[in-house]
Protein backbone atom coordinates (compact mmCIF):
# COMPACT_ATOMS: atom_id res chain seq x y z
CA MET A 1 0.00 0.00 0.00
CA GLU A 2 2.88 2.39 0.74
CA ARG A 3 4.18 2.02 -2.81
CA LEU A 4 0.75 2.79 -4.23
CA ASP A 5 0.40 5.87 -2.04
CA ALA A 6 3.84 6.97 -3.21
CA ALA A 7 2.84 6.39 -6.83
CA GLU A 8 -0.27 8.50 -6.26
CA SER A 9 1.98 11.32 -5.03
CA VAL A 10 3.90 11.19 -8.32
CA LEU A 11 0.68 11.71 -10.27
CA ASP A 12 -0.30 14.55 -7.93
CA ALA A 13 3.06 16.23 -8.57
CA ALA A 14 2.71 15.84 -12.34
CA ALA A 15 -0.75 17.42 -12.20
CA ALA A 16 0.57 20.24 -10.01
CA ALA A 17 3.23 21.03 -12.62
CA ALA A 18 0.76 21.01 -15.52
CA PRO A 19 -0.54 24.61 -15.22
CA GLU A 20 3.01 26.00 -15.24
CA ILE A 21 3.96 23.82 -18.21
CA ARG A 22 0.89 24.96 -20.11
CA ALA A 23 1.47 28.61 -19.23
CA GLY A 24 5.06 28.37 -20.47
CA LEU A 25 4.22 27.06 -23.95
CA PRO A 26 3.46 30.31 -25.84
CA GLY A 27 6.97 31.73 -25.58
CA ARG A 28 8.78 28.46 -26.27
CA ARG A 29 7.72 27.42 -29.76
CA ARG A 30 11.21 27.73 -31.30
CA TYR A 31 13.48 24.79 -32.08
CA LEU A 32 16.85 24.62 -30.38
CA ASP A 33 20.08 23.70 -32.13
CA GLU A 34 20.14 20.20 -30.65
CA GLU A 35 18.55 16.75 -30.87
CA ASN A 36 17.23 14.43 -28.18
CA PRO A 37 18.64 10.88 -27.73
CA SER A 38 16.20 9.61 -30.38
CA GLY A 39 17.54 12.01 -32.99
CA GLU A 40 14.52 14.33 -32.95
CA GLU A 41 14.60 18.10 -33.00
CA VAL A 42 14.06 19.70 -29.60
CA LEU A 43 11.80 22.65 -28.87
CA ALA A 44 12.44 25.11 -26.07
CA ALA A 45 9.13 23.88 -24.62
CA ASP A 46 10.48 20.30 -24.39
CA VAL A 47 13.43 21.42 -22.27
CA PHE A 48 11.25 23.71 -20.15
CA ALA A 49 8.77 20.92 -19.35
CA ASP A 50 11.56 18.42 -18.70
CA ASP A 51 13.32 20.72 -16.22
CA LEU A 52 10.07 21.43 -14.36
CA LEU A 53 9.18 17.77 -14.09
CA GLU A 54 12.64 16.70 -12.96
CA THR A 55 12.30 19.08 -10.03
CA ALA A 56 8.64 18.31 -9.29
CA LEU A 57 9.03 14.51 -9.41
CA GLY A 58 12.66 14.14 -8.42
CA ASP A 59 12.12 16.03 -5.17
CA LEU A 60 9.63 13.42 -3.96
CA ASP A 61 11.02 11.13 -1.25
CA ALA A 62 9.62 8.06 -2.99
CA VAL A 63 11.41 8.76 -6.30
CA GLY A 64 14.97 7.57 -6.67
CA THR A 65 15.36 7.85 -10.44
CA TYR A 66 14.08 10.32 -13.03
CA ALA A 67 14.34 9.54 -16.74
CA SER A 68 13.12 11.58 -19.67
CA GLU A 69 12.80 11.14 -23.39
CA GLU A 70 14.92 14.30 -23.66
CA ARG A 71 17.90 12.88 -21.71
CA ALA A 72 20.41 10.26 -22.74
CA SER A 73 20.49 8.63 -19.30
CA ALA A 74 18.49 8.50 -16.09
CA VAL A 75 19.18 10.87 -13.18
CA ASP A 76 19.58 9.67 -9.60
CA THR A 77 17.37 11.90 -7.47
CA GLY A 78 17.43 10.17 -4.09
CA ASP A 79 17.02 6.89 -2.26
CA GLY A 80 13.35 6.29 -3.05
CA PRO A 81 12.28 2.93 -4.50
CA LEU A 82 10.33 4.28 -7.47
CA SER A 83 11.61 5.18 -10.92
CA VAL A 84 9.73 7.60 -13.15
CA ALA A 85 10.01 7.71 -16.94
CA VAL A 86 8.55 10.82 -18.54
CA ASP A 87 7.74 12.14 -21.97
CA PRO A 88 7.62 15.79 -20.91
CA LEU A 89 5.77 17.09 -23.96
CA ASP A 90 4.41 14.40 -26.23
CA GLY A 91 3.48 15.87 -29.60
CA SER A 92 5.44 19.08 -29.05
CA SER A 93 5.67 19.57 -32.83
CA ASN A 94 1.96 20.42 -32.59
CA LEU A 95 2.93 23.73 -30.96
CA GLU A 96 3.49 25.27 -34.38
CA SER A 97 -0.05 24.43 -35.51
CA ASN A 98 -1.57 24.94 -32.02
CA ASN A 99 -2.90 21.40 -31.74
CA PRO A 100 -3.15 19.28 -28.56
CA MET A 101 -0.18 17.69 -26.84
CA GLY A 102 0.46 16.08 -23.48
CA THR A 103 2.77 14.87 -20.73
CA VAL A 104 3.20 11.13 -20.10
CA VAL A 105 4.36 9.72 -16.75
CA ALA A 106 5.22 6.09 -16.04
CA VAL A 107 5.95 5.00 -12.45
CA TYR A 108 7.98 1.80 -12.10
CA ASP A 109 8.73 -0.19 -8.97
CA GLY A 110 12.21 -1.10 -10.17
CA THR A 111 15.32 0.18 -11.90
CA LEU A 112 15.27 1.45 -15.46
CA PRO A 113 14.91 0.12 -18.04
CA ALA A 114 12.05 -1.71 -16.35
CA ALA A 115 9.50 -4.26 -17.42
CA GLY A 116 5.96 -3.09 -18.11
CA ARG A 117 4.75 -5.45 -15.40
CA ASP A 118 6.79 -3.37 -12.92
CA LEU A 119 4.48 -0.39 -13.40
CA VAL A 120 2.62 0.69 -10.29
CA ALA A 121 1.03 3.77 -11.89
CA ALA A 122 0.83 5.66 -15.15
CA GLY A 123 -0.92 8.74 -16.40
CA PHE A 124 -0.98 11.44 -19.00
CA VAL A 125 -1.92 15.09 -18.88
CA LEU A 126 -3.67 16.34 -22.01
CA TYR A 127 -3.33 20.02 -22.89
CA GLY A 128 -6.49 20.33 -24.94
CA PRO A 129 -9.31 22.88 -24.75
CA VAL A 130 -9.21 22.01 -21.03
CA THR A 131 -6.39 20.36 -19.08
CA THR A 132 -7.19 16.82 -18.00
CA MET A 133 -5.34 13.81 -16.61
CA VAL A 134 -6.01 10.15 -17.28
CA ALA A 135 -4.35 7.94 -14.67
CA GLY A 136 -4.37 4.65 -12.84
CA VAL A 137 -2.59 3.29 -9.76
CA GLY A 138 -1.99 -0.38 -9.01
CA ALA A 139 -0.67 -3.52 -10.64
CA PRO A 140 -1.18 -3.82 -14.42
CA GLY A 141 -4.57 -5.28 -15.18
CA GLU A 142 -5.85 -4.53 -11.68
CA ALA A 143 -5.87 -0.72 -11.67
CA ASP A 144 -8.99 1.22 -12.57
CA VAL A 145 -8.36 4.19 -14.85
CA TYR A 146 -9.88 7.57 -14.05
CA GLU A 147 -10.16 10.91 -15.81
CA TYR A 148 -9.49 14.06 -13.80
CA LEU A 149 -9.91 17.74 -14.46
CA VAL A 150 -6.66 19.55 -13.66
CA THR A 151 -7.56 22.88 -12.10
CA ALA A 152 -5.70 26.16 -12.50
CA ASP A 153 -4.05 25.42 -9.14
CA GLY A 154 -2.86 21.99 -10.30
CA ASP A 155 -5.35 19.96 -8.28
CA ARG A 156 -7.04 16.84 -9.65
CA GLU A 157 -10.84 16.70 -9.61
CA GLU A 158 -12.15 13.23 -10.41
CA MET A 159 -14.51 13.10 -13.40
CA GLY A 160 -15.18 9.36 -13.42
CA VAL A 161 -13.81 5.97 -14.31
CA ILE A 162 -12.87 5.28 -17.94
CA ALA A 163 -14.02 2.20 -19.82
CA LEU A 164 -13.63 1.73 -23.57
CA PRO A 165 -17.01 1.79 -25.31
CA ASP A 166 -18.11 -1.59 -26.63
CA ASP A 167 -18.89 -0.13 -30.06
CA PRO A 168 -15.60 1.37 -31.38
CA THR A 169 -15.77 4.31 -33.77
CA VAL A 170 -12.28 5.84 -34.37
CA TYR A 171 -8.82 4.89 -35.60
CA GLY A 172 -5.50 6.69 -35.98
CA PHE A 173 -2.24 5.29 -37.34
CA GLY A 174 1.21 6.89 -37.40
CA GLY A 175 3.98 6.62 -39.95
CA ARG A 176 3.94 7.37 -43.67
CA VAL A 177 1.56 5.16 -45.63
CA PRO A 178 4.25 4.08 -48.18
CA ASP A 179 6.38 2.96 -45.22
CA TRP A 180 3.73 0.62 -43.78
CA PRO A 181 4.44 -3.13 -44.20
CA ALA A 182 1.99 -4.86 -46.52
CA ASP A 183 0.30 -6.86 -43.75
CA PHE A 184 -0.37 -3.75 -41.67
CA ALA A 185 -1.63 -1.88 -44.76
CA ALA A 186 -4.07 -4.72 -45.41
CA TYR A 187 -5.40 -4.41 -41.85
CA VAL A 188 -5.88 -0.67 -42.38
CA ASP A 189 -7.88 -1.38 -45.53
CA GLU A 190 -10.26 -3.44 -43.41
CA VAL A 191 -10.82 -1.10 -40.49
CA GLU A 192 -11.03 2.15 -42.44
CA ASP A 193 -14.34 0.93 -43.87
CA GLU A 194 -15.67 0.49 -40.31
CA LEU A 195 -14.17 3.39 -38.34
CA LYS A 196 -13.63 7.13 -38.63
CA LEU A 197 -10.11 8.48 -39.08
CA ARG A 198 -8.93 10.58 -36.14
CA TYR A 199 -5.20 11.35 -36.17
CA GLY A 200 -3.68 14.54 -34.82
CA GLY A 201 0.07 13.91 -34.63
CA ALA A 202 0.30 13.67 -30.82
CA MET A 203 0.11 10.10 -29.56
CA ILE A 204 -1.53 11.04 -26.30
CA ALA A 205 -4.29 13.06 -27.97
CA ASP A 206 -5.04 10.18 -30.34
CA VAL A 207 -5.07 7.65 -27.50
CA SER A 208 -7.44 9.94 -25.61
CA GLN A 209 -9.88 9.74 -28.51
CA VAL A 210 -9.70 5.95 -28.47
CA LEU A 211 -10.40 5.94 -24.71
CA SER A 212 -13.37 8.26 -25.25
CA TYR A 213 -14.94 6.71 -28.33
CA GLY A 214 -13.47 3.24 -28.67
CA GLY A 215 -11.30 2.14 -31.56
CA VAL A 216 -7.62 1.59 -32.24
CA PHE A 217 -4.44 3.65 -32.25
CA ALA A 218 -1.18 2.38 -33.69
CA TYR A 219 2.32 3.51 -34.47
CA PRO A 220 3.35 0.29 -36.20
CA ALA A 221 6.58 -1.25 -37.33
CA LEU A 222 7.70 0.49 -40.52
CA GLU A 223 9.76 -0.67 -43.48
CA SER A 224 12.35 1.94 -42.52
CA ALA A 225 11.98 1.39 -38.75
CA PRO A 226 11.10 -2.24 -37.88
CA ASN A 227 10.73 -1.33 -34.19
CA GLY A 228 8.47 1.64 -34.88
CA LYS A 229 9.00 5.10 -33.44
CA LEU A 230 7.58 5.15 -29.92
CA ARG A 231 9.69 4.40 -26.84
CA LEU A 232 8.82 1.43 -24.62
CA GLN A 233 9.66 3.05 -21.26
CA PHE A 234 8.18 6.48 -21.92
CA GLU A 235 5.22 5.79 -24.21
CA GLY A 236 4.51 2.14 -25.00
CA ASN A 237 4.31 0.77 -21.47
CA PRO A 238 2.28 3.59 -19.85
CA VAL A 239 -0.21 3.77 -22.72
CA ALA A 240 -0.62 -0.02 -22.70
CA TYR A 241 -1.16 0.07 -18.93
CA LEU A 242 -3.90 2.70 -19.24
CA VAL A 243 -5.71 1.18 -22.21
CA GLU A 244 -5.67 -2.29 -20.64
CA GLY A 245 -6.91 -0.79 -17.37
CA ALA A 246 -9.81 0.71 -19.30
CA GLY A 247 -10.76 -2.71 -20.65
CA GLY A 248 -8.81 -2.71 -23.88
CA ARG A 249 -5.74 -4.51 -25.16
CA SER A 250 -2.22 -3.65 -26.24
CA SER A 251 0.15 -5.38 -28.62
CA ASP A 252 3.59 -4.99 -30.16
CA GLY A 253 2.23 -7.04 -33.05
CA THR A 254 2.66 -10.45 -31.44
CA GLY A 255 1.65 -10.03 -27.78
CA PRO A 256 1.03 -7.55 -24.95
CA ILE A 257 3.37 -4.56 -24.85
CA LEU A 258 3.71 -4.96 -21.09
CA ASP A 259 5.44 -8.32 -21.72
CA VAL A 260 8.14 -6.87 -24.00
CA THR A 261 11.60 -7.39 -22.51
CA ALA A 262 13.21 -4.07 -21.63
CA THR A 263 16.82 -3.83 -22.81
CA ASP A 264 17.54 -0.12 -23.22
CA LEU A 265 16.22 3.13 -21.79
CA HIS A 266 15.36 4.53 -25.23
CA GLN A 267 14.25 1.23 -26.76
CA ARG A 268 11.56 1.54 -29.42
CA VAL A 269 8.55 -0.71 -29.85
CA PRO A 270 5.61 -1.00 -32.26
CA VAL A 271 2.51 0.21 -30.39
CA HIS A 272 -1.05 -0.93 -31.08
CA VAL A 273 -3.75 -0.23 -28.47
CA GLY A 274 -7.53 -0.23 -28.42
CA ASN A 275 -10.60 -2.42 -28.21
CA ALA A 276 -9.71 -6.08 -27.74
CA SER A 277 -11.51 -7.23 -30.89
CA LEU A 278 -9.57 -4.79 -33.07
CA ILE A 279 -6.21 -5.73 -31.52
CA GLU A 280 -6.96 -9.44 -31.95
CA ARG A 281 -7.72 -8.86 -35.63
CA LEU A 282 -4.52 -6.86 -35.99
CA GLU A 283 -2.38 -9.62 -34.48
CA SER A 284 -3.98 -12.13 -36.82
CA ALA A 285 -3.20 -9.88 -39.78
CA LEU A 286 0.44 -9.47 -38.76
CA GLN A 287 1.20 -13.15 -38.09
């Protein structure tokens, strides 16, 4: 129970930092002359959010390690048992077009890189028309997932439990269409006749639509990138944890993302999440 209470405090701290992160976005839309460990261009807003979160989460007694998509290696922050892996500003390229983006937080009871089954909490803050958090605390598969309104003071006000609708309606897939493997492209041909396309270029915003309306989100393996684009520690595991907690399924193409062996902090993984029936069909198409 102590670990779960500590994990809850991490989510509280992430929510408390959200208003300051959001308020700092307008003046930080420029790209810096540097790349992150994944070879992506870095915005001033990425660094700003990362610095804020390192302080907010690293100062917690329960947190011993802070890792970020923007840093090559993890930072020791104390003697606490928990490790946090953060995507400080998922979809930050959407700043230029003023589209939604978010912050993703994964809380592991173990050293990084950690297995998905070591998660004790995960959540994301969505900077949309309003600021919300989707989060769960507990062992994978046992944690209920809730949506919260994040107030101007950084408090979380519970809005209700999240469960994927039984009748899915949306899909969104990343990567360039010519770069999709033939088996994945064939799956897309099937589902696009059944579902509505909803893709905004920020993983967390697209996953939020799947949680709200039911459906499937994927950033698949690509011809040019067989392991996809998204990072296991920072994106794949926490999103899988939340979607599974809401009654859905996750897959790297062959099995649950939470069962993928973690070998590197910035390891990439194909990500497919959504209603169980759609993920089962996808796995059949890819095998």
